[in-house]
Amino acid sequence: MPRNITLNADEEAIDTARALMKAEGTSLNEQFKLWLDAYIAEHRRKQQVEEALKTLEMMRGSIKLDHKLTREEMNER
């Protein structure tokens, strides 16, 4: 369920933004919703990267080889 919040910004900035958004066929409210979704998504992506890095760090050193890798093996894709 949507909740109302109050934000404060410079009056001129709000008026300018509203005029630009009106010309683009959108609203300050819609742009705020898009920004909020993008902000949350970016935070979640950062968390996923951090978790993946932690997993890699835990796995580091757990792979044992019975021989030294050749240059070709190290560069194999």
PDB file of N, CA and C in Angstrom:
ATOM      1  N   MET A   1       0.838  -1.176   0.000  1.00  0.00           N
ATOM      2  CA  MET A   1       0.000   0.000   0.000  1.00  0.00           C
ATOM      3  C   MET A   1       0.889   1.248   0.000  1.00  0.00           C
ATOM      4  N   PRO A   2       0.673   2.153  -0.928  1.00  0.00           N
ATOM      5  CA  PRO A   2       1.496   3.364  -1.003  1.00  0.00           C
ATOM      6  C   PRO A   2       1.355   4.215   0.253  1.00  0.00           C
ATOM      7  N   ARG A   3       2.486   4.838   0.634  1.00  0.00           N
ATOM      8  CA  ARG A   3       2.518   5.764   1.764  1.00  0.00           C
ATOM      9  C   ARG A   3       2.936   7.127   1.276  1.00  0.00           C
ATOM     10  N   ASN A   4       2.373   8.136   1.854  1.00  0.00           N
ATOM     11  CA  ASN A   4       2.770   9.502   1.540  1.00  0.00           C
ATOM     12  C   ASN A   4       3.953   9.899   2.408  1.00  0.00           C
ATOM     13  N   ILE A   5       4.896  10.615   1.803  1.00  0.00           N
ATOM     14  CA  ILE A   5       6.029  11.158   2.543  1.00  0.00           C
ATOM     15  C   ILE A   5       6.200  12.612   2.147  1.00  0.00           C
ATOM     16  N   THR A   6       6.915  13.353   2.952  1.00  0.00           N
ATOM     17  CA  THR A   6       7.179  14.758   2.652  1.00  0.00           C
ATOM     18  C   THR A   6       8.672  14.916   2.391  1.00  0.00           C
ATOM     19  N   LEU A   7       9.006  15.563   1.280  1.00  0.00           N
ATOM     20  CA  LEU A   7      10.397  15.839   0.935  1.00  0.00           C
ATOM     21  C   LEU A   7      10.573  17.351   0.835  1.00  0.00           C
ATOM     22  N   ASN A   8      11.747  17.813   1.121  1.00  0.00           N
ATOM     23  CA  ASN A   8      12.052  19.236   1.018  1.00  0.00           C
ATOM     24  C   ASN A   8      13.134  19.453  -0.025  1.00  0.00           C
ATOM     25  N   ALA A   9      12.942  20.478  -0.855  1.00  0.00           N
ATOM     26  CA  ALA A   9      13.938  20.852  -1.859  1.00  0.00           C
ATOM     27  C   ALA A   9      13.730  22.319  -2.199  1.00  0.00           C
ATOM     28  N   ASP A  10      14.715  22.885  -2.849  1.00  0.00           N
ATOM     29  CA  ASP A  10      14.649  24.273  -3.284  1.00  0.00           C
ATOM     30  C   ASP A  10      13.437  24.467  -4.200  1.00  0.00           C
ATOM     31  N   GLU A  11      12.667  25.519  -3.954  1.00  0.00           N
ATOM     32  CA  GLU A  11      11.444  25.767  -4.717  1.00  0.00           C
ATOM     33  C   GLU A  11      11.711  25.877  -6.218  1.00  0.00           C
ATOM     34  N   GLU A  12      12.781  26.569  -6.574  1.00  0.00           N
ATOM     35  CA  GLU A  12      13.114  26.732  -7.998  1.00  0.00           C
ATOM     36  C   GLU A  12      13.453  25.380  -8.633  1.00  0.00           C
ATOM     37  N   ALA A  13      14.166  24.539  -7.894  1.00  0.00           N
ATOM     38  CA  ALA A  13      14.515  23.213  -8.403  1.00  0.00           C
ATOM     39  C   ALA A  13      13.256  22.375  -8.630  1.00  0.00           C
ATOM     40  N   ILE A  14      12.321  22.455  -7.697  1.00  0.00           N
ATOM     41  CA  ILE A  14      11.073  21.697  -7.836  1.00  0.00           C
ATOM     42  C   ILE A  14      10.288  22.196  -9.039  1.00  0.00           C
ATOM     43  N   ASP A  15      10.157  23.506  -9.184  1.00  0.00           N
ATOM     44  CA  ASP A  15       9.417  24.067 -10.319  1.00  0.00           C
ATOM     45  C   ASP A  15      10.061  23.686 -11.649  1.00  0.00           C
ATOM     46  N   THR A  16      11.385  23.770 -11.709  1.00  0.00           N
ATOM     47  CA  THR A  16      12.099  23.411 -12.939  1.00  0.00           C
ATOM     48  C   THR A  16      11.910  21.929 -13.253  1.00  0.00           C
ATOM     49  N   ALA A  17      12.067  21.090 -12.239  1.00  0.00           N
ATOM     50  CA  ALA A  17      11.898  19.646 -12.437  1.00  0.00           C
ATOM     51  C   ALA A  17      10.492  19.317 -12.897  1.00  0.00           C
ATOM     52  N   ARG A  18       9.498  19.929 -12.286  1.00  0.00           N
ATOM     53  CA  ARG A  18       8.104  19.671 -12.683  1.00  0.00           C
ATOM     54  C   ARG A  18       7.863  20.079 -14.129  1.00  0.00           C
ATOM     55  N   ALA A  19       8.403  21.218 -14.535  1.00  0.00           N
ATOM     56  CA  ALA A  19       8.219  21.674 -15.917  1.00  0.00           C
ATOM     57  C   ALA A  19       8.877  20.700 -16.896  1.00  0.00           C
ATOM     58  N   LEU A  20      10.094  20.250 -16.567  1.00  0.00           N
ATOM     59  CA  LEU A  20      10.787  19.295 -17.440  1.00  0.00           C
ATOM     60  C   LEU A  20      10.022  17.975 -17.515  1.00  0.00           C
ATOM     61  N   MET A  21       9.549  17.510 -16.385  1.00  0.00           N
ATOM     62  CA  MET A  21       8.848  16.232 -16.352  1.00  0.00           C
ATOM     63  C   MET A  21       7.502  16.309 -17.060  1.00  0.00           C
ATOM     64  N   LYS A  22       6.840  17.448 -16.948  1.00  0.00           N
ATOM     65  CA  LYS A  22       5.574  17.630 -17.653  1.00  0.00           C
ATOM     66  C   LYS A  22       5.811  17.528 -19.158  1.00  0.00           C
ATOM     67  N   ALA A  23       6.897  18.139 -19.637  1.00  0.00           N
ATOM     68  CA  ALA A  23       7.239  18.075 -21.061  1.00  0.00           C
ATOM     69  C   ALA A  23       7.562  16.643 -21.485  1.00  0.00           C
ATOM     70  N   GLU A  24       8.070  15.840 -20.552  1.00  0.00           N
ATOM     71  CA  GLU A  24       8.412  14.444 -20.835  1.00  0.00           C
ATOM     72  C   GLU A  24       7.233  13.499 -20.599  1.00  0.00           C
ATOM     73  N   GLY A  25       6.125  14.041 -20.105  1.00  0.00           N
ATOM     74  CA  GLY A  25       4.942  13.217 -19.871  1.00  0.00           C
ATOM     75  C   GLY A  25       5.026  12.371 -18.612  1.00  0.00           C
ATOM     76  N   THR A  26       5.762  12.846 -17.634  1.00  0.00           N
ATOM     77  CA  THR A  26       5.889  12.121 -16.375  1.00  0.00           C
ATOM     78  C   THR A  26       5.681  13.104 -15.228  1.00  0.00           C
ATOM     79  N   SER A  27       5.878  12.648 -14.018  1.00  0.00           N
ATOM     80  CA  SER A  27       5.669  13.524 -12.864  1.00  0.00           C
ATOM     81  C   SER A  27       6.803  13.359 -11.863  1.00  0.00           C
ATOM     82  N   LEU A  28       6.876  14.308 -10.956  1.00  0.00           N
ATOM     83  CA  LEU A  28       7.864  14.250  -9.896  1.00  0.00           C
ATOM     84  C   LEU A  28       7.661  12.977  -9.067  1.00  0.00           C
ATOM     85  N   ASN A  29       6.427  12.643  -8.798  1.00  0.00           N
ATOM     86  CA  ASN A  29       6.107  11.450  -8.035  1.00  0.00           C
ATOM     87  C   ASN A  29       6.581  10.186  -8.761  1.00  0.00           C
ATOM     88  N   GLU A  30       6.308  10.105 -10.042  1.00  0.00           N
ATOM     89  CA  GLU A  30       6.722   8.924 -10.825  1.00  0.00           C
ATOM     90  C   GLU A  30       8.243   8.817 -10.886  1.00  0.00           C
ATOM     91  N   GLN A  31       8.919   9.932 -11.077  1.00  0.00           N
ATOM     92  CA  GLN A  31      10.373   9.915 -11.125  1.00  0.00           C
ATOM     93  C   GLN A  31      10.981   9.528  -9.775  1.00  0.00           C
ATOM     94  N   PHE A  32      10.349   9.953  -8.695  1.00  0.00           N
ATOM     95  CA  PHE A  32      10.825   9.559  -7.370  1.00  0.00           C
ATOM     96  C   PHE A  32      10.683   8.053  -7.190  1.00  0.00           C
ATOM     97  N   LYS A  33       9.552   7.499  -7.616  1.00  0.00           N
ATOM     98  CA  LYS A  33       9.353   6.045  -7.516  1.00  0.00           C
ATOM     99  C   LYS A  33      10.418   5.295  -8.311  1.00  0.00           C
ATOM    100  N   LEU A  34      10.720   5.773  -9.527  1.00  0.00           N
ATOM    101  CA  LEU A  34      11.752   5.135 -10.351  1.00  0.00           C
ATOM    102  C   LEU A  34      13.117   5.224  -9.674  1.00  0.00           C
ATOM    103  N   TRP A  35      13.428   6.404  -9.116  1.00  0.00           N
ATOM    104  CA  TRP A  35      14.702   6.574  -8.418  1.00  0.00           C
ATOM    105  C   TRP A  35      14.792   5.642  -7.215  1.00  0.00           C
ATOM    106  N   LEU A  36      13.709   5.549  -6.447  1.00  0.00           N
ATOM    107  CA  LEU A  36      13.700   4.705  -5.255  1.00  0.00           C
ATOM    108  C   LEU A  36      13.927   3.236  -5.624  1.00  0.00           C
ATOM    109  N   ASP A  37      13.248   2.774  -6.678  1.00  0.00           N
ATOM    110  CA  ASP A  37      13.439   1.392  -7.144  1.00  0.00           C
ATOM    111  C   ASP A  37      14.883   1.156  -7.581  1.00  0.00           C
ATOM    112  N   ALA A  38      15.457   2.107  -8.313  1.00  0.00           N
ATOM    113  CA  ALA A  38      16.840   1.976  -8.785  1.00  0.00           C
ATOM    114  C   ALA A  38      17.818   1.984  -7.609  1.00  0.00           C
ATOM    115  N   TYR A  39      17.565   2.809  -6.624  1.00  0.00           N
ATOM    116  CA  TYR A  39      18.413   2.892  -5.430  1.00  0.00           C
ATOM    117  C   TYR A  39      18.420   1.562  -4.682  1.00  0.00           C
ATOM    118  N   ILE A  40      17.248   0.978  -4.513  1.00  0.00           N
ATOM    119  CA  ILE A  40      17.125  -0.310  -3.822  1.00  0.00           C
ATOM    120  C   ILE A  40      17.817  -1.409  -4.627  1.00  0.00           C
ATOM    121  N   ALA A  41      17.594  -1.425  -5.949  1.00  0.00           N
ATOM    122  CA  ALA A  41      18.208  -2.439  -6.808  1.00  0.00           C
ATOM    123  C   ALA A  41      19.734  -2.356  -6.748  1.00  0.00           C
ATOM    124  N   GLU A  42      20.277  -1.150  -6.760  1.00  0.00           N
ATOM    125  CA  GLU A  42      21.736  -0.973  -6.688  1.00  0.00           C
ATOM    126  C   GLU A  42      22.272  -1.496  -5.362  1.00  0.00           C
ATOM    127  N   HIS A  43      21.574  -1.225  -4.283  1.00  0.00           N
ATOM    128  CA  HIS A  43      21.990  -1.721  -2.967  1.00  0.00           C
ATOM    129  C   HIS A  43      21.990  -3.252  -2.959  1.00  0.00           C
ATOM    130  N   ARG A  44      20.967  -3.846  -3.531  1.00  0.00           N
ATOM    131  CA  ARG A  44      20.891  -5.309  -3.570  1.00  0.00           C
ATOM    132  C   ARG A  44      22.005  -5.896  -4.433  1.00  0.00           C
ATOM    133  N   ARG A  45      22.317  -5.247  -5.559  1.00  0.00           N
ATOM    134  CA  ARG A  45      23.422  -5.717  -6.410  1.00  0.00           C
ATOM    135  C   ARG A  45      24.736  -5.682  -5.643  1.00  0.00           C
ATOM    136  N   LYS A  46      24.962  -4.617  -4.898  1.00  0.00           N
ATOM    137  CA  LYS A  46      26.191  -4.512  -4.108  1.00  0.00           C
ATOM    138  C   LYS A  46      26.263  -5.626  -3.070  1.00  0.00           C
ATOM    139  N   GLN A  47      25.145  -5.929  -2.436  1.00  0.00           N
ATOM    140  CA  GLN A  47      25.116  -7.010  -1.454  1.00  0.00           C
ATOM    141  C   GLN A  47      25.439  -8.353  -2.113  1.00  0.00           C
ATOM    142  N   GLN A  48      24.882  -8.581  -3.311  1.00  0.00           N
ATOM    143  CA  GLN A  48      25.135  -9.834  -4.020  1.00  0.00           C
ATOM    144  C   GLN A  48      26.608  -9.966  -4.386  1.00  0.00           C
ATOM    145  N   VAL A  49      27.214  -8.871  -4.830  1.00  0.00           N
ATOM    146  CA  VAL A  49      28.639  -8.891  -5.173  1.00  0.00           C
ATOM    147  C   VAL A  49      29.471  -9.185  -3.931  1.00  0.00           C
ATOM    148  N   GLU A  50      29.143  -8.531  -2.823  1.00  0.00           N
ATOM    149  CA  GLU A  50      29.879  -8.769  -1.578  1.00  0.00           C
ATOM    150  C   GLU A  50      29.750 -10.231  -1.138  1.00  0.00           C
ATOM    151  N   GLU A  51      28.558 -10.800  -1.254  1.00  0.00           N
ATOM    152  CA  GLU A  51      28.357 -12.197  -0.876  1.00  0.00           C
ATOM    153  C   GLU A  51      29.147 -13.127  -1.793  1.00  0.00           C
ATOM    154  N   ALA A  52      29.158 -12.818  -3.095  1.00  0.00           N
ATOM    155  CA  ALA A  52      29.907 -13.641  -4.044  1.00  0.00           C
ATOM    156  C   ALA A  52      31.402 -13.574  -3.747  1.00  0.00           C
ATOM    157  N   LEU A  53      31.894 -12.383  -3.424  1.00  0.00           N
ATOM    158  CA  LEU A  53      33.312 -12.233  -3.096  1.00  0.00           C
ATOM    159  C   LEU A  53      33.668 -12.993  -1.818  1.00  0.00           C
ATOM    160  N   LYS A  54      32.789 -12.968  -0.840  1.00  0.00           N
ATOM    161  CA  LYS A  54      33.025 -13.724   0.391  1.00  0.00           C
ATOM    162  C   LYS A  54      33.080 -15.224   0.095  1.00  0.00           C
ATOM    163  N   THR A  55      32.183 -15.689  -0.769  1.00  0.00           N
ATOM    164  CA  THR A  55      32.162 -17.101  -1.146  1.00  0.00           C
ATOM    165  C   THR A  55      33.450 -17.481  -1.856  1.00  0.00           C
ATOM    166  N   LEU A  56      33.893 -16.634  -2.777  1.00  0.00           N
ATOM    167  CA  LEU A  56      35.146 -16.898  -3.481  1.00  0.00           C
ATOM    168  C   LEU A  56      36.328 -16.916  -2.525  1.00  0.00           C
ATOM    169  N   GLU A  57      36.326 -15.996  -1.567  1.00  0.00           N
ATOM    170  CA  GLU A  57      37.409 -15.936  -0.598  1.00  0.00           C
ATOM    171  C   GLU A  57      37.440 -17.209   0.245  1.00  0.00           C
ATOM    172  N   MET A  58      36.258 -17.711   0.609  1.00  0.00           N
ATOM    173  CA  MET A  58      36.191 -18.941   1.395  1.00  0.00           C
ATOM    174  C   MET A  58      36.682 -20.140   0.579  1.00  0.00           C
ATOM    175  N   MET A  59      36.418 -20.108  -0.738  1.00  0.00           N
ATOM    176  CA  MET A  59      36.819 -21.220  -1.604  1.00  0.00           C
ATOM    177  C   MET A  59      38.304 -21.162  -1.948  1.00  0.00           C
ATOM    178  N   ARG A  60      38.883 -19.968  -1.838  1.00  0.00           N
ATOM    179  CA  ARG A  60      40.277 -19.778  -2.206  1.00  0.00           C
ATOM    180  C   ARG A  60      41.170 -20.724  -1.393  1.00  0.00           C
ATOM    181  N   GLY A  61      42.010 -21.402  -2.068  1.00  0.00           N
ATOM    182  CA  GLY A  61      42.907 -22.319  -1.393  1.00  0.00           C
ATOM    183  C   GLY A  61      42.318 -23.701  -1.164  1.00  0.00           C
ATOM    184  N   SER A  62      41.028 -23.865  -1.453  1.00  0.00           N
ATOM    185  CA  SER A  62      40.421 -25.177  -1.209  1.00  0.00           C
ATOM    186  C   SER A  62      40.601 -26.125  -2.393  1.00  0.00           C
ATOM    187  N   ILE A  63      41.069 -25.606  -3.522  1.00  0.00           N
ATOM    188  CA  ILE A  63      41.311 -26.443  -4.693  1.00  0.00           C
ATOM    189  C   ILE A  63      42.774 -26.862  -4.669  1.00  0.00           C
ATOM    190  N   LYS A  64      43.009 -28.127  -4.618  1.00  0.00           N
ATOM    191  CA  LYS A  64      44.372 -28.660  -4.568  1.00  0.00           C
ATOM    192  C   LYS A  64      44.698 -29.336  -5.903  1.00  0.00           C
ATOM    193  N   LEU A  65      45.893 -29.080  -6.391  1.00  0.00           N
ATOM    194  CA  LEU A  65      46.350 -29.677  -7.642  1.00  0.00           C
ATOM    195  C   LEU A  65      47.505 -30.618  -7.348  1.00  0.00           C
ATOM    196  N   ASP A  66      47.601 -31.665  -8.156  1.00  0.00           N
ATOM    197  CA  ASP A  66      48.693 -32.611  -7.939  1.00  0.00           C
ATOM    198  C   ASP A  66      49.934 -32.258  -8.756  1.00  0.00           C
ATOM    199  N   HIS A  67      49.840 -31.152  -9.507  1.00  0.00           N
ATOM    200  CA  HIS A  67      50.996 -30.714 -10.280  1.00  0.00           C
ATOM    201  C   HIS A  67      50.934 -29.199 -10.474  1.00  0.00           C
ATOM    202  N   LYS A  68      52.048 -28.629 -10.839  1.00  0.00           N
ATOM    203  CA  LYS A  68      52.099 -27.203 -11.113  1.00  0.00           C
ATOM    204  C   LYS A  68      51.467 -26.959 -12.485  1.00  0.00           C
ATOM    205  N   LEU A  69      50.626 -25.928 -12.569  1.00  0.00           N
ATOM    206  CA  LEU A  69      49.967 -25.625 -13.831  1.00  0.00           C
ATOM    207  C   LEU A  69      50.972 -25.069 -14.842  1.00  0.00           C
ATOM    208  N   THR A  70      50.785 -25.484 -16.088  1.00  0.00           N
ATOM    209  CA  THR A  70      51.611 -24.920 -17.164  1.00  0.00           C
ATOM    210  C   THR A  70      51.043 -23.555 -17.526  1.00  0.00           C
ATOM    211  N   ARG A  71      51.809 -22.799 -18.291  1.00  0.00           N
ATOM    212  CA  ARG A  71      51.339 -21.491 -18.757  1.00  0.00           C
ATOM    213  C   ARG A  71      50.039 -21.639 -19.545  1.00  0.00           C
ATOM    214  N   GLU A  72      49.946 -22.649 -20.386  1.00  0.00           N
ATOM    215  CA  GLU A  72      48.752 -22.873 -21.198  1.00  0.00           C
ATOM    216  C   GLU A  72      47.553 -23.194 -20.309  1.00  0.00           C
ATOM    217  N   GLU A  73      47.764 -24.005 -19.278  1.00  0.00           N
ATOM    218  CA  GLU A  73      46.663 -24.343 -18.375  1.00  0.00           C
ATOM    219  C   GLU A  73      46.173 -23.109 -17.604  1.00  0.00           C
ATOM    220  N   MET A  74      47.095 -22.271 -17.161  1.00  0.00           N
ATOM    221  CA  MET A  74      46.719 -21.072 -16.423  1.00  0.00           C
ATOM    222  C   MET A  74      45.946 -20.089 -17.290  1.00  0.00           C
ATOM    223  N   ASN A  75      46.248 -20.053 -18.579  1.00  0.00           N
ATOM    224  CA  ASN A  75      45.591 -19.103 -19.482  1.00  0.00           C
ATOM    225  C   ASN A  75      44.414 -19.705 -20.219  1.00  0.00           C
ATOM    226  N   GLU A  76      44.107 -20.962 -19.940  1.00  0.00           N
ATOM    227  CA  GLU A  76      42.989 -21.637 -20.584  1.00  0.00           C
ATOM    228  C   GLU A  76      41.686 -20.981 -20.160  1.00  0.00           C
ATOM    229  N   ARG A  77      40.807 -20.833 -21.106  1.00  0.00           N
ATOM    230  CA  ARG A  77      39.519 -20.185 -20.792  1.00  0.00           C
ATOM    231  C   ARG A  77      38.407 -21.161 -20.839  1.00  0.00           C
TER     232      ARG A  77
END
